[in-house]
Amino acid sequence: MANFHDLLRHTPDQDQTATYCSSVDPWHEPADLAERAGDQIGFDLFYTSGVTRGLPAMIPIAMLYGNAGGRPPRRLPTSKKRGYPISYVEMGEEPDGHYTLPEDYAGAIRPVWRKRCTGLIRSLKLGGPIFTGENKDIEVWPDGDGKASFHGAVSSIT
């Protein structure tokens, strides 16, 4: 097994090495993939490389895109079987930026996935959704009261 050589500068302030998260979602084009840059390394390499230092990691699951038949991803029971510690499961992929109505996400999709995931591993801690990175609220179709806030609607439903 190869040794992990950490080249990042770790500090408790903003002077640490800048890191960027890669999101290679199913709707991207093949040309968007930078395979030599390390996109989508897979959980075996992620957990065995030393990057987690043996600590539990938050792992993402796709609820809207990328799952055949709406089944929970196989990575949940596989990770448990291989002894890979999971701290949280981040549910969803930027629903605020993909024209998903809050009531569809928080009222219909999320409860189903919560049940499916905790049915596989009862002790899972669930989080999310991750948002698009906007520093403002995302406007959606107004509800019956004329409110058009994605974040406000999700908060009131969950």
N, C-alpha and C. Protein backbone atom coordinates (compact mmCIF):
# COMPACT_ATOMS: atom_id res chain seq x y z
N MET A 1 0.85 -1.18 0.00
CA MET A 1 0.00 0.00 0.00
C MET A 1 0.90 1.24 0.00
N ALA A 2 0.53 2.21 -0.79
CA ALA A 2 1.29 3.46 -0.89
C ALA A 2 1.10 4.31 0.36
N ASN A 3 2.12 5.09 0.68
CA ASN A 3 2.02 6.02 1.80
C ASN A 3 1.35 7.30 1.35
N PHE A 4 0.61 7.90 2.26
CA PHE A 4 -0.05 9.18 1.99
C PHE A 4 0.90 10.31 2.36
N HIS A 5 1.18 11.19 1.41
CA HIS A 5 2.03 12.36 1.65
C HIS A 5 1.16 13.60 1.58
N ASP A 6 0.91 14.18 2.71
CA ASP A 6 0.05 15.37 2.79
C ASP A 6 0.84 16.61 2.40
N LEU A 7 0.47 17.23 1.29
CA LEU A 7 1.17 18.41 0.80
C LEU A 7 0.45 19.70 1.16
N LEU A 8 -0.67 19.59 1.88
CA LEU A 8 -1.43 20.77 2.25
C LEU A 8 -0.85 21.43 3.49
N ARG A 9 -1.00 22.73 3.54
CA ARG A 9 -0.60 23.48 4.74
C ARG A 9 -1.84 23.61 5.62
N HIS A 10 -1.82 23.00 6.78
CA HIS A 10 -2.97 23.00 7.68
C HIS A 10 -2.79 24.05 8.76
N THR A 11 -3.72 24.99 8.83
CA THR A 11 -3.70 26.00 9.88
C THR A 11 -5.14 26.26 10.31
N PRO A 12 -5.35 26.75 11.52
CA PRO A 12 -6.72 27.00 11.99
C PRO A 12 -7.30 28.32 11.45
N ASP A 13 -6.60 28.97 10.55
CA ASP A 13 -7.08 30.25 10.03
C ASP A 13 -7.17 30.19 8.50
N GLN A 14 -7.22 31.32 7.86
CA GLN A 14 -7.36 31.38 6.41
C GLN A 14 -6.04 31.25 5.66
N ASP A 15 -4.94 30.96 6.35
CA ASP A 15 -3.65 30.83 5.69
C ASP A 15 -3.36 29.41 5.24
N GLN A 16 -4.31 28.51 5.41
CA GLN A 16 -4.07 27.14 4.97
C GLN A 16 -4.15 27.06 3.45
N THR A 17 -3.70 25.95 2.90
CA THR A 17 -3.77 25.73 1.46
C THR A 17 -5.23 25.73 1.02
N ALA A 18 -5.50 26.45 -0.06
CA ALA A 18 -6.87 26.48 -0.60
C ALA A 18 -7.23 25.11 -1.15
N THR A 19 -8.45 24.67 -0.86
CA THR A 19 -8.94 23.41 -1.39
C THR A 19 -10.26 23.67 -2.09
N TYR A 20 -10.55 22.88 -3.09
CA TYR A 20 -11.77 23.04 -3.87
C TYR A 20 -12.46 21.68 -3.99
N CYS A 21 -13.75 21.70 -3.85
CA CYS A 21 -14.55 20.49 -3.95
C CYS A 21 -14.97 20.29 -5.40
N SER A 22 -14.87 19.07 -5.86
CA SER A 22 -15.28 18.76 -7.23
C SER A 22 -16.68 18.17 -7.22
N SER A 23 -17.53 18.68 -8.07
CA SER A 23 -18.86 18.13 -8.22
C SER A 23 -18.99 17.64 -9.66
N VAL A 24 -18.91 16.34 -9.84
CA VAL A 24 -19.06 15.78 -11.17
C VAL A 24 -20.39 15.03 -11.18
N ASP A 25 -21.43 15.76 -11.49
CA ASP A 25 -22.76 15.21 -11.45
C ASP A 25 -23.12 14.57 -12.80
N PRO A 26 -24.12 13.69 -12.82
CA PRO A 26 -24.45 12.95 -14.04
C PRO A 26 -24.84 13.83 -15.23
N TRP A 27 -25.25 15.06 -15.00
CA TRP A 27 -25.67 15.87 -16.13
C TRP A 27 -24.50 16.60 -16.79
N HIS A 28 -23.30 16.48 -16.23
CA HIS A 28 -22.13 17.09 -16.84
C HIS A 28 -21.73 16.31 -18.10
N GLU A 29 -20.99 16.97 -18.96
CA GLU A 29 -20.48 16.35 -20.17
C GLU A 29 -19.18 15.60 -19.85
N PRO A 30 -18.84 14.55 -20.64
CA PRO A 30 -17.56 13.86 -20.41
C PRO A 30 -16.36 14.81 -20.48
N ALA A 31 -16.47 15.85 -21.28
CA ALA A 31 -15.37 16.81 -21.39
C ALA A 31 -15.14 17.57 -20.08
N ASP A 32 -16.16 17.57 -19.19
CA ASP A 32 -16.02 18.27 -17.91
C ASP A 32 -15.14 17.50 -16.91
N LEU A 33 -14.93 16.23 -17.17
CA LEU A 33 -14.18 15.40 -16.24
C LEU A 33 -12.68 15.63 -16.40
N ALA A 34 -12.00 15.82 -15.32
CA ALA A 34 -10.55 15.95 -15.33
C ALA A 34 -9.99 14.75 -14.57
N GLU A 35 -10.00 13.59 -15.23
CA GLU A 35 -9.64 12.34 -14.56
C GLU A 35 -8.24 12.39 -13.96
N ARG A 36 -7.32 13.06 -14.60
CA ARG A 36 -5.95 13.14 -14.07
C ARG A 36 -5.86 14.09 -12.87
N ALA A 37 -6.91 14.88 -12.65
CA ALA A 37 -6.91 15.81 -11.51
C ALA A 37 -7.43 15.13 -10.24
N GLY A 38 -7.89 13.88 -10.37
CA GLY A 38 -8.33 13.15 -9.19
C GLY A 38 -9.82 13.23 -8.92
N ASP A 39 -10.62 13.65 -9.89
CA ASP A 39 -12.06 13.70 -9.69
C ASP A 39 -12.61 12.31 -9.44
N GLN A 40 -13.52 12.20 -8.48
CA GLN A 40 -14.24 10.96 -8.21
C GLN A 40 -13.30 9.78 -7.98
N ILE A 41 -12.54 9.84 -6.92
CA ILE A 41 -11.55 8.80 -6.66
C ILE A 41 -12.15 7.49 -6.18
N GLY A 42 -13.35 7.50 -5.67
CA GLY A 42 -13.97 6.28 -5.15
C GLY A 42 -13.74 6.14 -3.66
N PHE A 43 -14.64 5.45 -2.98
CA PHE A 43 -14.57 5.37 -1.53
C PHE A 43 -13.44 4.49 -1.02
N ASP A 44 -13.08 3.44 -1.74
CA ASP A 44 -11.97 2.61 -1.27
C ASP A 44 -10.69 3.43 -1.19
N LEU A 45 -10.35 4.15 -2.24
CA LEU A 45 -9.14 4.97 -2.22
C LEU A 45 -9.28 6.12 -1.22
N PHE A 46 -10.46 6.72 -1.15
CA PHE A 46 -10.70 7.82 -0.22
C PHE A 46 -10.43 7.39 1.22
N TYR A 47 -11.01 6.26 1.62
CA TYR A 47 -10.87 5.81 3.01
C TYR A 47 -9.51 5.19 3.31
N THR A 48 -8.85 4.57 2.33
CA THR A 48 -7.58 3.90 2.60
C THR A 48 -6.36 4.77 2.32
N SER A 49 -6.54 5.95 1.75
CA SER A 49 -5.40 6.82 1.40
C SER A 49 -4.79 7.52 2.59
N GLY A 50 -5.52 7.61 3.69
CA GLY A 50 -5.03 8.34 4.85
C GLY A 50 -5.63 9.72 4.97
N VAL A 51 -6.36 10.15 3.96
CA VAL A 51 -6.91 11.50 3.98
C VAL A 51 -7.90 11.70 5.13
N THR A 52 -8.59 10.66 5.54
CA THR A 52 -9.54 10.80 6.65
C THR A 52 -8.87 10.60 8.01
N ARG A 53 -7.62 10.16 8.01
CA ARG A 53 -6.86 9.88 9.25
C ARG A 53 -7.62 8.93 10.17
N GLY A 54 -8.42 8.05 9.56
CA GLY A 54 -9.18 7.07 10.33
C GLY A 54 -10.44 7.62 10.97
N LEU A 55 -10.72 8.89 10.74
CA LEU A 55 -11.89 9.51 11.33
C LEU A 55 -13.12 9.31 10.44
N PRO A 56 -14.31 9.35 11.01
CA PRO A 56 -15.53 9.25 10.19
C PRO A 56 -15.62 10.43 9.21
N ALA A 57 -16.15 10.15 8.04
CA ALA A 57 -16.29 11.18 7.00
C ALA A 57 -17.75 11.35 6.63
N MET A 58 -18.10 12.56 6.19
CA MET A 58 -19.43 12.81 5.64
C MET A 58 -19.41 12.37 4.19
N ILE A 59 -20.38 11.56 3.82
CA ILE A 59 -20.44 11.12 2.43
C ILE A 59 -21.74 11.62 1.80
N PRO A 60 -21.69 11.93 0.50
CA PRO A 60 -22.88 12.43 -0.18
C PRO A 60 -23.68 11.29 -0.82
N ILE A 61 -24.97 11.50 -0.93
CA ILE A 61 -25.80 10.61 -1.76
C ILE A 61 -26.65 11.49 -2.66
N ALA A 62 -26.89 11.00 -3.85
CA ALA A 62 -27.74 11.71 -4.80
C ALA A 62 -29.18 11.24 -4.62
N MET A 63 -30.07 12.18 -4.43
CA MET A 63 -31.49 11.82 -4.29
C MET A 63 -32.26 12.14 -5.57
N LEU A 64 -31.81 13.14 -6.30
CA LEU A 64 -32.53 13.58 -7.49
C LEU A 64 -31.98 12.95 -8.76
N TYR A 65 -30.67 12.79 -8.84
CA TYR A 65 -30.02 12.32 -10.06
C TYR A 65 -29.06 11.20 -9.73
N GLY A 66 -28.88 10.29 -10.66
CA GLY A 66 -27.80 9.31 -10.55
C GLY A 66 -28.10 8.04 -9.81
N ASN A 67 -29.32 7.73 -9.45
CA ASN A 67 -29.64 6.48 -8.77
C ASN A 67 -30.70 5.72 -9.54
N ALA A 68 -30.33 4.55 -10.00
CA ALA A 68 -31.26 3.74 -10.78
C ALA A 68 -32.46 3.35 -9.93
N GLY A 69 -33.62 3.68 -10.39
CA GLY A 69 -34.84 3.27 -9.71
C GLY A 69 -35.08 3.94 -8.37
N GLY A 70 -34.34 4.96 -8.05
CA GLY A 70 -34.54 5.65 -6.78
C GLY A 70 -34.09 4.86 -5.57
N ARG A 71 -33.21 3.88 -5.77
CA ARG A 71 -32.72 3.08 -4.65
C ARG A 71 -31.59 3.82 -3.94
N PRO A 72 -31.44 3.60 -2.65
CA PRO A 72 -30.29 4.18 -1.95
C PRO A 72 -29.00 3.64 -2.54
N PRO A 73 -27.95 4.42 -2.52
CA PRO A 73 -26.70 3.95 -3.12
C PRO A 73 -26.12 2.76 -2.37
N ARG A 74 -25.45 1.89 -3.12
CA ARG A 74 -24.84 0.70 -2.54
C ARG A 74 -23.70 1.07 -1.60
N ARG A 75 -23.20 2.31 -1.70
CA ARG A 75 -22.05 2.68 -0.89
C ARG A 75 -22.36 2.66 0.60
N LEU A 76 -23.62 2.81 1.00
CA LEU A 76 -23.93 2.82 2.43
C LEU A 76 -23.66 1.47 3.07
N PRO A 77 -24.30 0.37 2.62
CA PRO A 77 -24.00 -0.91 3.26
C PRO A 77 -22.58 -1.39 2.97
N THR A 78 -22.04 -1.06 1.79
CA THR A 78 -20.67 -1.46 1.45
C THR A 78 -19.67 -0.77 2.37
N SER A 79 -19.87 0.52 2.62
CA SER A 79 -18.98 1.25 3.52
C SER A 79 -19.01 0.66 4.92
N LYS A 80 -20.20 0.31 5.39
CA LYS A 80 -20.32 -0.27 6.73
C LYS A 80 -19.62 -1.63 6.78
N LYS A 81 -19.84 -2.45 5.75
CA LYS A 81 -19.26 -3.79 5.70
C LYS A 81 -17.72 -3.71 5.68
N ARG A 82 -17.17 -2.72 5.01
CA ARG A 82 -15.71 -2.58 4.91
C ARG A 82 -15.10 -1.83 6.09
N GLY A 83 -15.96 -1.39 7.02
CA GLY A 83 -15.45 -0.72 8.20
C GLY A 83 -15.10 0.74 7.99
N TYR A 84 -15.63 1.35 6.94
CA TYR A 84 -15.37 2.77 6.68
C TYR A 84 -16.33 3.60 7.53
N PRO A 85 -15.83 4.38 8.46
CA PRO A 85 -16.72 5.13 9.35
C PRO A 85 -17.38 6.32 8.65
N ILE A 86 -18.68 6.45 8.84
CA ILE A 86 -19.45 7.54 8.25
C ILE A 86 -19.93 8.44 9.39
N SER A 87 -19.64 9.74 9.29
CA SER A 87 -20.13 10.66 10.32
C SER A 87 -21.54 11.14 9.99
N TYR A 88 -21.75 11.54 8.77
CA TYR A 88 -23.06 12.02 8.32
C TYR A 88 -23.25 11.63 6.86
N VAL A 89 -24.48 11.61 6.43
CA VAL A 89 -24.81 11.44 5.02
C VAL A 89 -25.45 12.74 4.55
N GLU A 90 -24.84 13.37 3.56
CA GLU A 90 -25.37 14.62 3.00
C GLU A 90 -26.34 14.24 1.89
N MET A 91 -27.60 14.58 2.09
CA MET A 91 -28.66 14.15 1.18
C MET A 91 -29.02 15.26 0.19
N GLY A 92 -28.86 14.96 -1.08
CA GLY A 92 -29.32 15.88 -2.11
C GLY A 92 -28.20 16.56 -2.84
N GLU A 93 -28.52 17.09 -4.01
CA GLU A 93 -27.53 17.78 -4.80
C GLU A 93 -28.09 19.09 -5.31
N GLU A 94 -27.82 20.13 -4.55
CA GLU A 94 -28.21 21.50 -4.89
C GLU A 94 -29.64 21.61 -5.42
N PRO A 95 -30.64 21.18 -4.66
CA PRO A 95 -32.01 21.23 -5.16
C PRO A 95 -32.48 22.65 -5.44
N ASP A 96 -31.88 23.63 -4.78
CA ASP A 96 -32.30 25.02 -5.00
C ASP A 96 -31.91 25.52 -6.37
N GLY A 97 -30.92 24.93 -6.99
CA GLY A 97 -30.48 25.40 -8.30
C GLY A 97 -30.93 24.52 -9.45
N HIS A 98 -31.71 23.50 -9.17
CA HIS A 98 -32.14 22.57 -10.22
C HIS A 98 -33.65 22.56 -10.39
N TYR A 99 -34.24 23.69 -10.16
CA TYR A 99 -35.68 23.86 -10.40
C TYR A 99 -36.53 22.85 -9.65
N THR A 100 -36.08 22.49 -8.46
CA THR A 100 -36.83 21.59 -7.60
C THR A 100 -37.64 22.44 -6.63
N LEU A 101 -38.92 22.23 -6.59
CA LEU A 101 -39.75 22.99 -5.67
C LEU A 101 -39.49 22.53 -4.24
N PRO A 102 -39.49 23.45 -3.30
CA PRO A 102 -39.21 23.08 -1.90
C PRO A 102 -40.12 21.98 -1.39
N GLU A 103 -41.41 22.05 -1.75
CA GLU A 103 -42.33 21.03 -1.25
C GLU A 103 -42.04 19.65 -1.85
N ASP A 104 -41.49 19.62 -3.08
CA ASP A 104 -41.11 18.34 -3.66
C ASP A 104 -39.88 17.78 -2.95
N TYR A 105 -38.90 18.66 -2.72
CA TYR A 105 -37.67 18.21 -2.06
C TYR A 105 -37.92 17.84 -0.60
N ALA A 106 -38.37 18.80 0.18
CA ALA A 106 -38.49 18.61 1.63
C ALA A 106 -39.74 17.83 2.03
N GLY A 107 -40.80 17.96 1.25
CA GLY A 107 -42.06 17.33 1.62
C GLY A 107 -42.25 15.93 1.07
N ALA A 108 -41.61 15.63 -0.08
CA ALA A 108 -41.84 14.34 -0.71
C ALA A 108 -40.57 13.51 -0.85
N ILE A 109 -39.52 14.09 -1.41
CA ILE A 109 -38.31 13.32 -1.72
C ILE A 109 -37.51 12.99 -0.47
N ARG A 110 -37.21 14.00 0.33
CA ARG A 110 -36.34 13.81 1.50
C ARG A 110 -36.89 12.79 2.50
N PRO A 111 -38.18 12.81 2.87
CA PRO A 111 -38.67 11.81 3.83
C PRO A 111 -38.54 10.38 3.31
N VAL A 112 -38.75 10.17 2.02
CA VAL A 112 -38.62 8.83 1.45
C VAL A 112 -37.18 8.36 1.56
N TRP A 113 -36.24 9.24 1.20
CA TRP A 113 -34.82 8.88 1.27
C TRP A 113 -34.36 8.69 2.71
N ARG A 114 -34.87 9.48 3.62
CA ARG A 114 -34.52 9.31 5.04
C ARG A 114 -34.88 7.90 5.47
N LYS A 115 -36.06 7.46 5.12
CA LYS A 115 -36.52 6.12 5.49
C LYS A 115 -35.68 5.04 4.83
N ARG A 116 -35.37 5.24 3.54
CA ARG A 116 -34.57 4.24 2.82
C ARG A 116 -33.17 4.12 3.41
N CYS A 117 -32.53 5.25 3.70
CA CYS A 117 -31.16 5.23 4.21
C CYS A 117 -31.08 4.67 5.62
N THR A 118 -31.96 5.10 6.50
CA THR A 118 -31.91 4.59 7.87
C THR A 118 -32.40 3.15 7.93
N GLY A 119 -33.12 2.71 6.89
CA GLY A 119 -33.47 1.30 6.81
C GLY A 119 -32.26 0.42 6.54
N LEU A 120 -31.25 0.98 5.86
CA LEU A 120 -30.02 0.25 5.59
C LEU A 120 -29.08 0.27 6.79
N ILE A 121 -28.91 1.45 7.37
CA ILE A 121 -28.04 1.62 8.53
C ILE A 121 -28.81 2.49 9.52
N ARG A 122 -29.30 1.87 10.55
CA ARG A 122 -30.21 2.55 11.48
C ARG A 122 -29.60 3.78 12.15
N SER A 123 -28.31 3.75 12.42
CA SER A 123 -27.66 4.81 13.19
C SER A 123 -27.20 6.00 12.35
N LEU A 124 -27.52 6.04 11.07
CA LEU A 124 -27.05 7.13 10.21
C LEU A 124 -27.52 8.50 10.70
N LYS A 125 -26.63 9.47 10.62
CA LYS A 125 -26.98 10.86 10.86
C LYS A 125 -27.12 11.50 9.49
N LEU A 126 -28.26 12.10 9.24
CA LEU A 126 -28.54 12.65 7.92
C LEU A 126 -28.48 14.17 7.95
N GLY A 127 -27.98 14.76 6.88
CA GLY A 127 -27.89 16.20 6.76
C GLY A 127 -28.20 16.63 5.34
N GLY A 128 -28.08 17.91 5.13
CA GLY A 128 -28.33 18.44 3.79
C GLY A 128 -29.65 19.15 3.74
N PRO A 129 -29.97 19.73 2.66
CA PRO A 129 -29.23 19.62 1.41
C PRO A 129 -28.06 20.59 1.34
N ILE A 130 -27.14 20.28 0.46
CA ILE A 130 -26.11 21.24 0.12
C ILE A 130 -26.75 22.20 -0.88
N PHE A 131 -26.41 23.45 -0.80
CA PHE A 131 -26.99 24.43 -1.71
C PHE A 131 -25.98 24.84 -2.77
N THR A 132 -26.42 25.59 -3.74
CA THR A 132 -25.61 25.93 -4.91
C THR A 132 -24.44 26.84 -4.62
N GLY A 133 -24.36 27.40 -3.46
CA GLY A 133 -23.26 28.30 -3.16
C GLY A 133 -23.63 29.76 -3.31
N GLU A 134 -24.89 30.01 -3.58
CA GLU A 134 -25.36 31.39 -3.65
C GLU A 134 -25.32 32.01 -2.26
N ASN A 135 -25.00 33.26 -2.18
CA ASN A 135 -25.01 33.96 -0.89
C ASN A 135 -26.32 34.72 -0.71
N LYS A 136 -27.35 34.21 -1.32
CA LYS A 136 -28.68 34.81 -1.21
C LYS A 136 -29.70 33.68 -1.34
N ASP A 137 -30.91 33.98 -1.03
CA ASP A 137 -31.96 32.98 -1.15
C ASP A 137 -32.28 32.75 -2.62
N ILE A 138 -32.77 31.58 -2.94
CA ILE A 138 -33.18 31.24 -4.29
C ILE A 138 -34.70 31.43 -4.37
N GLU A 139 -35.13 32.21 -5.33
CA GLU A 139 -36.58 32.42 -5.50
C GLU A 139 -37.20 31.27 -6.28
N VAL A 140 -38.36 30.84 -5.82
CA VAL A 140 -39.12 29.79 -6.48
C VAL A 140 -40.53 30.31 -6.72
N TRP A 141 -41.39 29.48 -7.29
CA TRP A 141 -42.78 29.88 -7.49
C TRP A 141 -43.38 30.26 -6.14
N PRO A 142 -44.10 31.33 -6.06
CA PRO A 142 -44.69 31.73 -4.78
C PRO A 142 -45.69 30.69 -4.26
N ASP A 143 -45.70 30.54 -2.94
CA ASP A 143 -46.67 29.64 -2.33
C ASP A 143 -48.01 30.37 -2.17
N GLY A 144 -48.94 29.77 -1.48
CA GLY A 144 -50.26 30.35 -1.31
C GLY A 144 -50.26 31.70 -0.60
N ASP A 145 -49.20 31.96 0.17
CA ASP A 145 -49.08 33.23 0.88
C ASP A 145 -48.23 34.24 0.12
N GLY A 146 -47.83 33.88 -1.09
CA GLY A 146 -47.01 34.78 -1.90
C GLY A 146 -45.53 34.75 -1.58
N LYS A 147 -45.10 33.84 -0.71
CA LYS A 147 -43.68 33.73 -0.37
C LYS A 147 -42.96 32.92 -1.44
N ALA A 148 -41.79 33.41 -1.86
CA ALA A 148 -41.05 32.75 -2.94
C ALA A 148 -39.64 32.35 -2.51
N SER A 149 -39.45 32.01 -1.24
CA SER A 149 -38.14 31.67 -0.71
C SER A 149 -37.94 30.16 -0.65
N PHE A 150 -36.91 29.65 -1.36
CA PHE A 150 -36.60 28.23 -1.31
C PHE A 150 -36.22 27.83 0.12
N HIS A 151 -35.27 28.58 0.70
CA HIS A 151 -34.78 28.23 2.03
C HIS A 151 -35.88 28.34 3.09
N GLY A 152 -36.69 29.36 2.99
CA GLY A 152 -37.78 29.52 3.96
C GLY A 152 -38.79 28.39 3.85
N ALA A 153 -39.09 27.99 2.63
CA ALA A 153 -40.07 26.91 2.44
C ALA A 153 -39.51 25.58 2.95
N VAL A 154 -38.24 25.29 2.66
CA VAL A 154 -37.66 24.03 3.13
C VAL A 154 -37.64 24.02 4.66
N SER A 155 -37.27 25.14 5.26
CA SER A 155 -37.23 25.23 6.73
C SER A 155 -38.59 25.01 7.36
N SER A 156 -39.64 25.51 6.70
CA SER A 156 -40.97 25.37 7.28
C SER A 156 -41.55 23.98 7.10
N ILE A 157 -41.03 23.23 6.12
CA ILE A 157 -41.54 21.89 5.86
C ILE A 157 -40.83 20.85 6.72
N THR A 158 -39.51 21.01 6.93
CA THR A 158 -38.75 19.97 7.63
C THR A 158 -38.78 20.16 9.12
